[in-house]
Amino acid sequence: AVDAGAKTVHVRGREDGSKVLRYDRLIVATGAVPVRPDLPGLGLPGVHLLHTMEDSFAVQQWLSERSPRSAVIIGGGYIGLEMADALTHRGLKVTVIERTATVLPTVDPDLGRVLEEELRQRGVEVMTDRSATNIERSGDAHCLSVIDQQGRKVTADLVLVALGVRPASELAAAAGAELGVRKAIR
């Protein structure tokens, strides 16, 4: 725990118990944690979150064992676009669903539009300004549908969820640090 008023950090070690460290200035670099949406259907077979190496191995195994022909990627950030490119090269029909107006929403919108056009030229269907609200089985046991906020469905054999990360700022917030609109430390 951090006591900003006393300028101390309480540290609990595995081997040497607890101790208190004093500081003049404190840098809090707690990183980020993956965004896990509250989305019905995340546990269905063929739906994979992309957060860890184990997740990547599970996708690779699914691709090898099931030979899907199509994929929906929820999230048009760096990871989602990398996966769109990789799956397209494997011959899958790929659809990217992004909730903002352009892919790669953290960069300049003009660059996002250029990347969208490049993806489309490579055969990727890009759907912006759409939010996935549900994933469900559709038709046979291996077919999935992603439903958006207006009830429109996109069907595929594989669904990847790549919604990025959020700041791990709980420790800083508990110490009284000011957080920005997306919970990053100011």
N, C-alpha and C. Protein backbone atom coordinates (compact mmCIF):
# COMPACT_ATOMS: atom_id res chain seq x y z
N ALA A 1 0.84 -1.19 0.00
CA ALA A 1 0.00 0.00 0.00
C ALA A 1 0.88 1.24 0.00
N VAL A 2 0.35 2.31 -0.52
CA VAL A 2 1.07 3.58 -0.58
C VAL A 2 0.39 4.55 0.37
N ASP A 3 1.20 5.18 1.22
CA ASP A 3 0.71 6.26 2.08
C ASP A 3 1.35 7.54 1.57
N ALA A 4 0.62 8.26 0.70
CA ALA A 4 1.18 9.45 0.06
C ALA A 4 1.47 10.54 1.08
N GLY A 5 0.65 10.66 2.11
CA GLY A 5 0.87 11.69 3.13
C GLY A 5 2.17 11.47 3.89
N ALA A 6 2.46 10.23 4.23
CA ALA A 6 3.69 9.90 4.96
C ALA A 6 4.86 9.61 4.03
N LYS A 7 4.60 9.59 2.73
CA LYS A 7 5.61 9.27 1.71
C LYS A 7 6.28 7.93 2.01
N THR A 8 5.42 6.91 2.19
CA THR A 8 5.92 5.56 2.44
C THR A 8 5.17 4.56 1.57
N VAL A 9 5.86 3.46 1.31
CA VAL A 9 5.27 2.33 0.60
C VAL A 9 5.42 1.12 1.50
N HIS A 10 4.32 0.42 1.75
CA HIS A 10 4.34 -0.79 2.56
C HIS A 10 4.46 -1.98 1.60
N VAL A 11 5.55 -2.73 1.75
CA VAL A 11 5.87 -3.82 0.84
C VAL A 11 5.80 -5.14 1.60
N ARG A 12 5.17 -6.12 0.98
CA ARG A 12 5.10 -7.45 1.58
C ARG A 12 5.89 -8.39 0.68
N GLY A 13 7.01 -8.91 1.18
CA GLY A 13 7.83 -9.84 0.42
C GLY A 13 7.46 -11.27 0.74
N ARG A 14 7.77 -12.17 -0.18
CA ARG A 14 7.45 -13.59 0.04
C ARG A 14 8.32 -14.19 1.13
N GLU A 15 9.57 -13.78 1.15
CA GLU A 15 10.51 -14.42 2.07
C GLU A 15 10.82 -13.60 3.31
N ASP A 16 10.82 -12.28 3.16
CA ASP A 16 11.25 -11.45 4.30
C ASP A 16 10.11 -10.66 4.95
N GLY A 17 8.88 -11.06 4.74
CA GLY A 17 7.75 -10.40 5.40
C GLY A 17 7.51 -9.00 4.90
N SER A 18 6.98 -8.16 5.78
CA SER A 18 6.62 -6.79 5.41
C SER A 18 7.70 -5.81 5.82
N LYS A 19 7.79 -4.73 5.03
CA LYS A 19 8.67 -3.64 5.42
C LYS A 19 8.11 -2.34 4.86
N VAL A 20 8.58 -1.24 5.40
CA VAL A 20 8.13 0.08 4.98
C VAL A 20 9.30 0.79 4.33
N LEU A 21 9.06 1.29 3.12
CA LEU A 21 10.08 2.05 2.39
C LEU A 21 9.66 3.51 2.33
N ARG A 22 10.62 4.40 2.57
CA ARG A 22 10.34 5.83 2.47
C ARG A 22 10.77 6.32 1.09
N TYR A 23 10.10 7.36 0.61
CA TYR A 23 10.46 7.92 -0.69
C TYR A 23 10.34 9.44 -0.67
N ASP A 24 11.12 10.08 -1.56
CA ASP A 24 10.97 11.52 -1.80
C ASP A 24 9.99 11.74 -2.95
N ARG A 25 10.17 10.94 -4.00
CA ARG A 25 9.27 10.95 -5.15
C ARG A 25 8.98 9.49 -5.50
N LEU A 26 7.78 9.25 -5.96
CA LEU A 26 7.37 7.88 -6.25
C LEU A 26 6.90 7.78 -7.70
N ILE A 27 7.44 6.84 -8.40
CA ILE A 27 6.98 6.54 -9.76
C ILE A 27 6.13 5.28 -9.67
N VAL A 28 4.90 5.38 -10.12
CA VAL A 28 4.00 4.23 -10.13
C VAL A 28 3.91 3.74 -11.57
N ALA A 29 4.44 2.56 -11.81
CA ALA A 29 4.45 1.98 -13.16
C ALA A 29 3.87 0.57 -13.07
N THR A 30 2.56 0.51 -12.89
CA THR A 30 1.89 -0.76 -12.67
C THR A 30 1.40 -1.42 -13.95
N GLY A 31 1.60 -0.76 -15.08
CA GLY A 31 1.26 -1.39 -16.36
C GLY A 31 -0.22 -1.38 -16.67
N ALA A 32 -0.63 -2.42 -17.36
CA ALA A 32 -2.01 -2.51 -17.84
C ALA A 32 -2.50 -3.95 -17.72
N VAL A 33 -3.80 -4.09 -17.74
CA VAL A 33 -4.42 -5.42 -17.71
C VAL A 33 -5.37 -5.54 -18.91
N PRO A 34 -5.53 -6.74 -19.43
CA PRO A 34 -6.41 -6.92 -20.59
C PRO A 34 -7.86 -6.55 -20.28
N VAL A 35 -8.53 -5.98 -21.27
CA VAL A 35 -9.95 -5.68 -21.15
C VAL A 35 -10.72 -6.98 -21.41
N ARG A 36 -11.51 -7.37 -20.45
CA ARG A 36 -12.38 -8.55 -20.60
C ARG A 36 -13.82 -8.06 -20.57
N PRO A 37 -14.47 -8.05 -21.72
CA PRO A 37 -15.81 -7.49 -21.78
C PRO A 37 -16.84 -8.38 -21.10
N ASP A 38 -17.92 -7.77 -20.66
CA ASP A 38 -19.06 -8.52 -20.13
C ASP A 38 -19.97 -8.81 -21.33
N LEU A 39 -19.60 -9.83 -22.07
CA LEU A 39 -20.25 -10.13 -23.34
C LEU A 39 -20.80 -11.56 -23.30
N PRO A 40 -22.11 -11.73 -23.36
CA PRO A 40 -22.67 -13.09 -23.36
C PRO A 40 -22.09 -13.90 -24.52
N GLY A 41 -21.72 -15.14 -24.23
CA GLY A 41 -21.20 -16.03 -25.26
C GLY A 41 -19.69 -16.16 -25.27
N LEU A 42 -18.99 -15.47 -24.37
CA LEU A 42 -17.52 -15.56 -24.37
C LEU A 42 -17.02 -16.97 -24.13
N GLY A 43 -17.79 -17.78 -23.44
CA GLY A 43 -17.35 -19.14 -23.12
C GLY A 43 -17.67 -20.18 -24.17
N LEU A 44 -18.29 -19.79 -25.26
CA LEU A 44 -18.65 -20.77 -26.29
C LEU A 44 -17.42 -21.32 -26.99
N PRO A 45 -17.46 -22.59 -27.41
CA PRO A 45 -16.35 -23.13 -28.21
C PRO A 45 -16.19 -22.32 -29.49
N GLY A 46 -14.95 -21.99 -29.79
CA GLY A 46 -14.67 -21.19 -30.99
C GLY A 46 -14.56 -19.71 -30.72
N VAL A 47 -14.80 -19.30 -29.47
CA VAL A 47 -14.63 -17.90 -29.07
C VAL A 47 -13.36 -17.81 -28.24
N HIS A 48 -12.44 -16.96 -28.65
CA HIS A 48 -11.15 -16.86 -27.98
C HIS A 48 -10.82 -15.41 -27.65
N LEU A 49 -10.45 -15.17 -26.40
CA LEU A 49 -9.93 -13.86 -26.01
C LEU A 49 -8.43 -13.86 -26.30
N LEU A 50 -7.90 -12.74 -26.68
CA LEU A 50 -6.48 -12.64 -26.99
C LEU A 50 -5.81 -11.77 -25.92
N HIS A 51 -5.33 -12.44 -24.86
CA HIS A 51 -4.69 -11.73 -23.76
C HIS A 51 -3.30 -12.27 -23.46
N THR A 52 -3.13 -13.58 -23.56
CA THR A 52 -1.90 -14.22 -23.10
C THR A 52 -1.33 -15.12 -24.19
N MET A 53 -0.13 -15.61 -23.95
CA MET A 53 0.46 -16.59 -24.87
C MET A 53 -0.39 -17.85 -24.92
N GLU A 54 -0.96 -18.25 -23.78
CA GLU A 54 -1.82 -19.43 -23.76
C GLU A 54 -3.03 -19.23 -24.68
N ASP A 55 -3.56 -18.01 -24.69
CA ASP A 55 -4.67 -17.70 -25.59
C ASP A 55 -4.24 -17.88 -27.04
N SER A 56 -3.05 -17.41 -27.36
CA SER A 56 -2.53 -17.55 -28.73
C SER A 56 -2.36 -19.02 -29.11
N PHE A 57 -1.86 -19.82 -28.16
CA PHE A 57 -1.70 -21.25 -28.43
C PHE A 57 -3.06 -21.92 -28.65
N ALA A 58 -4.06 -21.50 -27.88
CA ALA A 58 -5.41 -22.07 -28.04
C ALA A 58 -5.98 -21.73 -29.42
N VAL A 59 -5.75 -20.52 -29.89
CA VAL A 59 -6.21 -20.14 -31.23
C VAL A 59 -5.49 -20.98 -32.28
N GLN A 60 -4.19 -21.13 -32.13
CA GLN A 60 -3.41 -21.93 -33.08
C GLN A 60 -3.93 -23.37 -33.12
N GLN A 61 -4.21 -23.93 -31.95
CA GLN A 61 -4.74 -25.30 -31.89
C GLN A 61 -6.11 -25.37 -32.56
N TRP A 62 -6.98 -24.38 -32.31
CA TRP A 62 -8.31 -24.36 -32.92
C TRP A 62 -8.18 -24.30 -34.45
N LEU A 63 -7.28 -23.47 -34.94
CA LEU A 63 -7.08 -23.35 -36.38
C LEU A 63 -6.60 -24.67 -36.98
N SER A 64 -5.69 -25.34 -36.28
CA SER A 64 -5.15 -26.61 -36.78
C SER A 64 -6.18 -27.73 -36.76
N GLU A 65 -6.96 -27.80 -35.68
CA GLU A 65 -7.89 -28.92 -35.52
C GLU A 65 -9.22 -28.71 -36.25
N ARG A 66 -9.69 -27.49 -36.35
CA ARG A 66 -11.03 -27.22 -36.87
C ARG A 66 -11.05 -26.69 -38.30
N SER A 67 -9.93 -26.14 -38.75
CA SER A 67 -9.85 -25.56 -40.10
C SER A 67 -11.02 -24.63 -40.42
N PRO A 68 -11.20 -23.58 -39.62
CA PRO A 68 -12.31 -22.66 -39.89
C PRO A 68 -12.11 -21.94 -41.22
N ARG A 69 -13.22 -21.54 -41.81
CA ARG A 69 -13.17 -20.82 -43.09
C ARG A 69 -13.40 -19.32 -42.91
N SER A 70 -13.94 -18.94 -41.74
CA SER A 70 -14.25 -17.52 -41.53
C SER A 70 -14.03 -17.15 -40.07
N ALA A 71 -13.77 -15.86 -39.85
CA ALA A 71 -13.54 -15.37 -38.49
C ALA A 71 -14.10 -13.96 -38.34
N VAL A 72 -14.62 -13.69 -37.15
CA VAL A 72 -14.98 -12.33 -36.76
C VAL A 72 -14.01 -11.93 -35.67
N ILE A 73 -13.44 -10.75 -35.81
CA ILE A 73 -12.55 -10.20 -34.79
C ILE A 73 -13.25 -9.00 -34.17
N ILE A 74 -13.48 -9.08 -32.87
CA ILE A 74 -14.09 -7.97 -32.14
C ILE A 74 -12.95 -7.12 -31.61
N GLY A 75 -12.78 -5.95 -32.17
CA GLY A 75 -11.71 -5.04 -31.77
C GLY A 75 -10.80 -4.73 -32.94
N GLY A 76 -10.72 -3.47 -33.28
CA GLY A 76 -9.90 -3.04 -34.41
C GLY A 76 -8.63 -2.33 -33.99
N GLY A 77 -8.06 -2.73 -32.86
CA GLY A 77 -6.78 -2.18 -32.42
C GLY A 77 -5.62 -2.96 -33.01
N TYR A 78 -4.43 -2.78 -32.44
CA TYR A 78 -3.22 -3.41 -32.98
C TYR A 78 -3.35 -4.92 -33.08
N ILE A 79 -3.74 -5.56 -31.99
CA ILE A 79 -3.82 -7.02 -31.97
C ILE A 79 -4.89 -7.52 -32.93
N GLY A 80 -6.05 -6.90 -32.92
CA GLY A 80 -7.12 -7.30 -33.83
C GLY A 80 -6.70 -7.21 -35.29
N LEU A 81 -6.00 -6.14 -35.65
CA LEU A 81 -5.57 -5.98 -37.04
C LEU A 81 -4.46 -6.95 -37.40
N GLU A 82 -3.56 -7.22 -36.47
CA GLU A 82 -2.53 -8.24 -36.72
C GLU A 82 -3.17 -9.60 -36.98
N MET A 83 -4.19 -9.92 -36.17
CA MET A 83 -4.88 -11.19 -36.36
C MET A 83 -5.65 -11.22 -37.68
N ALA A 84 -6.25 -10.10 -38.06
CA ALA A 84 -6.96 -10.03 -39.34
C ALA A 84 -6.00 -10.33 -40.48
N ASP A 85 -4.82 -9.74 -40.43
CA ASP A 85 -3.82 -9.96 -41.47
C ASP A 85 -3.38 -11.43 -41.49
N ALA A 86 -3.08 -11.98 -40.31
CA ALA A 86 -2.61 -13.36 -40.24
C ALA A 86 -3.67 -14.35 -40.72
N LEU A 87 -4.92 -14.15 -40.32
CA LEU A 87 -5.98 -15.07 -40.72
C LEU A 87 -6.30 -14.94 -42.20
N THR A 88 -6.22 -13.74 -42.73
CA THR A 88 -6.43 -13.55 -44.17
C THR A 88 -5.36 -14.30 -44.96
N HIS A 89 -4.12 -14.23 -44.48
CA HIS A 89 -3.04 -14.97 -45.15
C HIS A 89 -3.24 -16.48 -45.08
N ARG A 90 -3.98 -16.94 -44.08
CA ARG A 90 -4.31 -18.37 -43.97
C ARG A 90 -5.50 -18.75 -44.83
N GLY A 91 -6.10 -17.77 -45.48
CA GLY A 91 -7.21 -18.05 -46.38
C GLY A 91 -8.60 -17.89 -45.77
N LEU A 92 -8.69 -17.37 -44.55
CA LEU A 92 -10.00 -17.18 -43.92
C LEU A 92 -10.65 -15.89 -44.41
N LYS A 93 -11.97 -15.91 -44.46
CA LYS A 93 -12.75 -14.70 -44.70
C LYS A 93 -12.86 -14.01 -43.34
N VAL A 94 -12.39 -12.77 -43.25
CA VAL A 94 -12.28 -12.09 -41.96
C VAL A 94 -13.15 -10.84 -41.93
N THR A 95 -13.85 -10.67 -40.80
CA THR A 95 -14.61 -9.45 -40.53
C THR A 95 -14.10 -8.86 -39.23
N VAL A 96 -13.80 -7.56 -39.24
CA VAL A 96 -13.38 -6.84 -38.03
C VAL A 96 -14.52 -5.93 -37.61
N ILE A 97 -14.90 -6.03 -36.34
CA ILE A 97 -15.93 -5.16 -35.77
C ILE A 97 -15.25 -4.21 -34.78
N GLU A 98 -15.37 -2.91 -35.03
CA GLU A 98 -14.75 -1.88 -34.18
C GLU A 98 -15.82 -0.90 -33.74
N ARG A 99 -15.85 -0.58 -32.44
CA ARG A 99 -16.91 0.28 -31.90
C ARG A 99 -16.71 1.75 -32.23
N THR A 100 -15.49 2.17 -32.58
CA THR A 100 -15.25 3.58 -32.89
C THR A 100 -15.37 3.81 -34.40
N ALA A 101 -15.16 5.06 -34.81
CA ALA A 101 -15.35 5.44 -36.21
C ALA A 101 -14.28 4.90 -37.15
N THR A 102 -13.10 4.57 -36.62
CA THR A 102 -12.03 4.00 -37.46
C THR A 102 -11.30 2.92 -36.68
N VAL A 103 -10.60 2.07 -37.42
CA VAL A 103 -9.72 1.10 -36.76
C VAL A 103 -8.55 1.86 -36.15
N LEU A 104 -7.82 1.20 -35.29
CA LEU A 104 -6.71 1.82 -34.55
C LEU A 104 -7.13 3.16 -33.95
N PRO A 105 -8.10 3.15 -33.06
CA PRO A 105 -8.63 4.41 -32.54
C PRO A 105 -7.63 5.23 -31.73
N THR A 106 -6.50 4.65 -31.36
CA THR A 106 -5.51 5.40 -30.59
C THR A 106 -4.58 6.22 -31.47
N VAL A 107 -4.69 6.08 -32.79
CA VAL A 107 -3.85 6.88 -33.69
C VAL A 107 -4.72 7.91 -34.41
N ASP A 108 -4.08 8.70 -35.24
CA ASP A 108 -4.79 9.71 -36.02
C ASP A 108 -5.88 9.06 -36.88
N PRO A 109 -7.09 9.62 -36.88
CA PRO A 109 -8.18 9.03 -37.67
C PRO A 109 -7.87 8.88 -39.16
N ASP A 110 -7.08 9.80 -39.71
CA ASP A 110 -6.71 9.68 -41.13
C ASP A 110 -5.90 8.40 -41.37
N LEU A 111 -4.99 8.10 -40.45
CA LEU A 111 -4.21 6.86 -40.58
C LEU A 111 -5.12 5.66 -40.42
N GLY A 112 -6.07 5.73 -39.50
CA GLY A 112 -7.03 4.64 -39.33
C GLY A 112 -7.80 4.37 -40.61
N ARG A 113 -8.21 5.43 -41.30
CA ARG A 113 -8.96 5.25 -42.56
C ARG A 113 -8.08 4.65 -43.65
N VAL A 114 -6.81 5.04 -43.69
CA VAL A 114 -5.88 4.45 -44.67
C VAL A 114 -5.73 2.96 -44.41
N LEU A 115 -5.58 2.59 -43.15
CA LEU A 115 -5.45 1.17 -42.80
C LEU A 115 -6.73 0.40 -43.12
N GLU A 116 -7.88 1.01 -42.86
CA GLU A 116 -9.16 0.38 -43.22
C GLU A 116 -9.21 0.06 -44.71
N GLU A 117 -8.82 1.02 -45.52
CA GLU A 117 -8.85 0.81 -46.97
C GLU A 117 -7.90 -0.30 -47.37
N GLU A 118 -6.73 -0.34 -46.77
CA GLU A 118 -5.76 -1.40 -47.06
C GLU A 118 -6.33 -2.76 -46.67
N LEU A 119 -6.98 -2.84 -45.52
CA LEU A 119 -7.60 -4.09 -45.09
C LEU A 119 -8.67 -4.53 -46.09
N ARG A 120 -9.50 -3.60 -46.50
CA ARG A 120 -10.55 -3.93 -47.46
C ARG A 120 -9.96 -4.44 -48.77
N GLN A 121 -8.87 -3.82 -49.22
CA GLN A 121 -8.23 -4.27 -50.46
C GLN A 121 -7.68 -5.69 -50.32
N ARG A 122 -7.39 -6.08 -49.08
CA ARG A 122 -6.89 -7.44 -48.83
C ARG A 122 -8.02 -8.42 -48.54
N GLY A 123 -9.26 -7.95 -48.66
CA GLY A 123 -10.40 -8.84 -48.49
C GLY A 123 -11.03 -8.87 -47.12
N VAL A 124 -10.56 -8.02 -46.21
CA VAL A 124 -11.12 -7.97 -44.86
C VAL A 124 -12.34 -7.05 -44.87
N GLU A 125 -13.44 -7.53 -44.31
CA GLU A 125 -14.61 -6.67 -44.15
C GLU A 125 -14.44 -5.90 -42.83
N VAL A 126 -14.49 -4.59 -42.90
CA VAL A 126 -14.31 -3.74 -41.72
C VAL A 126 -15.64 -3.06 -41.40
N MET A 127 -16.11 -3.27 -40.18
CA MET A 127 -17.36 -2.66 -39.73
C MET A 127 -17.06 -1.75 -38.55
N THR A 128 -17.13 -0.44 -38.77
CA THR A 128 -16.86 0.52 -37.70
C THR A 128 -18.17 1.05 -37.13
N ASP A 129 -18.05 1.74 -36.02
CA ASP A 129 -19.22 2.27 -35.30
C ASP A 129 -20.21 1.17 -34.94
N ARG A 130 -19.68 0.00 -34.61
CA ARG A 130 -20.54 -1.13 -34.22
C ARG A 130 -19.96 -1.77 -32.97
N SER A 131 -20.83 -2.06 -32.03
CA SER A 131 -20.42 -2.71 -30.79
C SER A 131 -21.04 -4.09 -30.71
N ALA A 132 -20.22 -5.08 -30.43
CA ALA A 132 -20.73 -6.44 -30.22
C ALA A 132 -21.46 -6.47 -28.88
N THR A 133 -22.65 -7.05 -28.87
CA THR A 133 -23.42 -7.15 -27.63
C THR A 133 -23.66 -8.58 -27.20
N ASN A 134 -23.44 -9.54 -28.11
CA ASN A 134 -23.73 -10.93 -27.80
C ASN A 134 -23.03 -11.83 -28.82
N ILE A 135 -22.67 -13.02 -28.37
CA ILE A 135 -22.16 -14.06 -29.26
C ILE A 135 -23.01 -15.29 -28.99
N GLU A 136 -23.49 -15.92 -30.04
CA GLU A 136 -24.34 -17.11 -29.85
C GLU A 136 -24.06 -18.11 -30.96
N ARG A 137 -24.48 -19.36 -30.69
CA ARG A 137 -24.41 -20.39 -31.72
C ARG A 137 -25.39 -20.03 -32.82
N SER A 138 -25.03 -20.41 -34.04
CA SER A 138 -25.90 -20.12 -35.18
C SER A 138 -25.85 -21.30 -36.12
N GLY A 139 -26.97 -21.94 -36.33
CA GLY A 139 -26.99 -23.08 -37.25
C GLY A 139 -26.30 -24.28 -36.65
N ASP A 140 -25.29 -24.81 -37.36
CA ASP A 140 -24.62 -26.02 -36.87
C ASP A 140 -23.76 -25.71 -35.65
N ALA A 141 -23.21 -26.75 -35.05
CA ALA A 141 -22.48 -26.63 -33.79
C ALA A 141 -21.22 -25.78 -33.90
N HIS A 142 -20.68 -25.62 -35.10
CA HIS A 142 -19.42 -24.90 -35.24
C HIS A 142 -19.60 -23.47 -35.72
N CYS A 143 -20.82 -23.05 -35.94
CA CYS A 143 -21.08 -21.72 -36.48
C CYS A 143 -21.48 -20.77 -35.35
N LEU A 144 -20.91 -19.57 -35.36
CA LEU A 144 -21.19 -18.58 -34.33
C LEU A 144 -21.70 -17.30 -34.97
N SER A 145 -22.51 -16.57 -34.24
CA SER A 145 -22.97 -15.25 -34.69
C SER A 145 -22.58 -14.21 -33.66
N VAL A 146 -22.06 -13.10 -34.15
CA VAL A 146 -21.80 -11.93 -33.30
C VAL A 146 -22.91 -10.94 -33.61
N ILE A 147 -23.61 -10.52 -32.56
CA ILE A 147 -24.73 -9.60 -32.73
C ILE A 147 -24.30 -8.22 -32.25
N ASP A 148 -24.63 -7.18 -33.04
CA ASP A 148 -24.25 -5.82 -32.65
C ASP A 148 -25.40 -5.11 -31.94
N GLN A 149 -25.17 -3.85 -31.60
CA GLN A 149 -26.12 -3.08 -30.81
C GLN A 149 -27.45 -2.84 -31.52
N GLN A 150 -27.50 -3.02 -32.82
CA GLN A 150 -28.75 -2.85 -33.56
C GLN A 150 -29.38 -4.19 -33.95
N GLY A 151 -28.83 -5.28 -33.42
CA GLY A 151 -29.38 -6.60 -33.70
C GLY A 151 -28.88 -7.24 -34.97
N ARG A 152 -27.94 -6.59 -35.66
CA ARG A 152 -27.38 -7.18 -36.89
C ARG A 152 -26.41 -8.30 -36.53
N LYS A 153 -26.40 -9.35 -37.34
CA LYS A 153 -25.57 -10.53 -37.08
C LYS A 153 -24.48 -10.67 -38.12
N VAL A 154 -23.31 -11.09 -37.64
CA VAL A 154 -22.20 -11.49 -38.51
C VAL A 154 -21.85 -12.91 -38.10
N THR A 155 -21.86 -13.83 -39.04
CA THR A 155 -21.66 -15.24 -38.75
C THR A 155 -20.27 -15.68 -39.18
N ALA A 156 -19.67 -16.56 -38.37
CA ALA A 156 -18.33 -17.08 -38.67
C ALA A 156 -18.10 -18.39 -37.92
N ASP A 157 -17.00 -19.05 -38.27
CA ASP A 157 -16.60 -20.30 -37.60
C ASP A 157 -15.75 -20.04 -36.37
N LEU A 158 -15.18 -18.84 -36.27
CA LEU A 158 -14.23 -18.49 -35.21
C LEU A 158 -14.48 -17.04 -34.82
N VAL A 159 -14.45 -16.75 -33.51
CA VAL A 159 -14.57 -15.38 -33.03
C VAL A 159 -13.38 -15.09 -32.13
N LEU A 160 -12.67 -14.01 -32.44
CA LEU A 160 -11.56 -13.56 -31.61
C LEU A 160 -11.94 -12.23 -30.97
N VAL A 161 -11.66 -12.11 -29.68
CA VAL A 161 -11.96 -10.88 -28.95
C VAL A 161 -10.63 -10.24 -28.57
N ALA A 162 -10.37 -9.07 -29.15
CA ALA A 162 -9.10 -8.36 -28.96
C ALA A 162 -9.41 -6.90 -28.64
N LEU A 163 -9.77 -6.65 -27.40
CA LEU A 163 -10.21 -5.31 -27.02
C LEU A 163 -9.14 -4.49 -26.31
N GLY A 164 -7.92 -4.96 -26.31
CA GLY A 164 -6.84 -4.16 -25.75
C GLY A 164 -6.72 -4.27 -24.25
N VAL A 165 -6.15 -3.21 -23.67
CA VAL A 165 -5.85 -3.19 -22.25
C VAL A 165 -6.39 -1.91 -21.61
N ARG A 166 -6.43 -1.94 -20.29
CA ARG A 166 -6.78 -0.76 -19.52
C ARG A 166 -5.69 -0.55 -18.47
N PRO A 167 -5.49 0.68 -18.01
CA PRO A 167 -4.45 0.93 -17.01
C PRO A 167 -4.72 0.17 -15.72
N ALA A 168 -3.67 -0.38 -15.14
CA ALA A 168 -3.76 -1.03 -13.83
C ALA A 168 -3.47 0.03 -12.78
N SER A 169 -4.43 0.88 -12.53
CA SER A 169 -4.20 2.08 -11.71
C SER A 169 -4.83 2.01 -10.32
N GLU A 170 -5.27 0.84 -9.90
CA GLU A 170 -5.96 0.71 -8.61
C GLU A 170 -5.07 1.14 -7.44
N LEU A 171 -3.80 0.74 -7.45
CA LEU A 171 -2.89 1.10 -6.36
C LEU A 171 -2.73 2.62 -6.28
N ALA A 172 -2.53 3.25 -7.42
CA ALA A 172 -2.37 4.70 -7.45
C ALA A 172 -3.64 5.41 -7.01
N ALA A 173 -4.79 4.90 -7.44
CA ALA A 173 -6.07 5.51 -7.04
C ALA A 173 -6.26 5.40 -5.53
N ALA A 174 -5.92 4.24 -4.97
CA ALA A 174 -6.05 4.05 -3.52
C ALA A 174 -5.14 4.99 -2.75
N ALA A 175 -4.02 5.39 -3.37
CA ALA A 175 -3.09 6.31 -2.72
C ALA A 175 -3.48 7.77 -2.94
N GLY A 176 -4.56 8.00 -3.69
CA GLY A 176 -5.04 9.36 -3.88
C GLY A 176 -4.60 10.01 -5.18
N ALA A 177 -3.99 9.26 -6.08
CA ALA A 177 -3.55 9.83 -7.35
C ALA A 177 -4.76 10.22 -8.19
N GLU A 178 -4.60 11.28 -8.96
CA GLU A 178 -5.66 11.72 -9.85
C GLU A 178 -5.64 10.87 -11.11
N LEU A 179 -6.81 10.36 -11.49
CA LEU A 179 -6.92 9.52 -12.68
C LEU A 179 -7.65 10.28 -13.77
N GLY A 180 -7.29 9.96 -15.02
CA GLY A 180 -7.95 10.57 -16.17
C GLY A 180 -9.23 9.85 -16.51
N VAL A 181 -9.82 10.24 -17.62
CA VAL A 181 -11.12 9.72 -18.03
C VAL A 181 -11.08 8.21 -18.28
N ARG A 182 -9.96 7.69 -18.74
CA ARG A 182 -9.83 6.24 -18.97
C ARG A 182 -9.09 5.53 -17.85
N LYS A 183 -9.04 6.18 -16.71
CA LYS A 183 -8.44 5.63 -15.48
C LYS A 183 -6.92 5.56 -15.52
N ALA A 184 -6.29 6.27 -16.44
CA ALA A 184 -4.83 6.37 -16.44
C ALA A 184 -4.41 7.39 -15.39
N ILE A 185 -3.23 7.21 -14.84
CA ILE A 185 -2.70 8.13 -13.84
C ILE A 185 -2.33 9.43 -14.55
N ARG A 186 -2.77 10.56 -13.99
CA ARG A 186 -2.44 11.87 -14.59
C ARG A 186 -1.08 12.32 -14.17
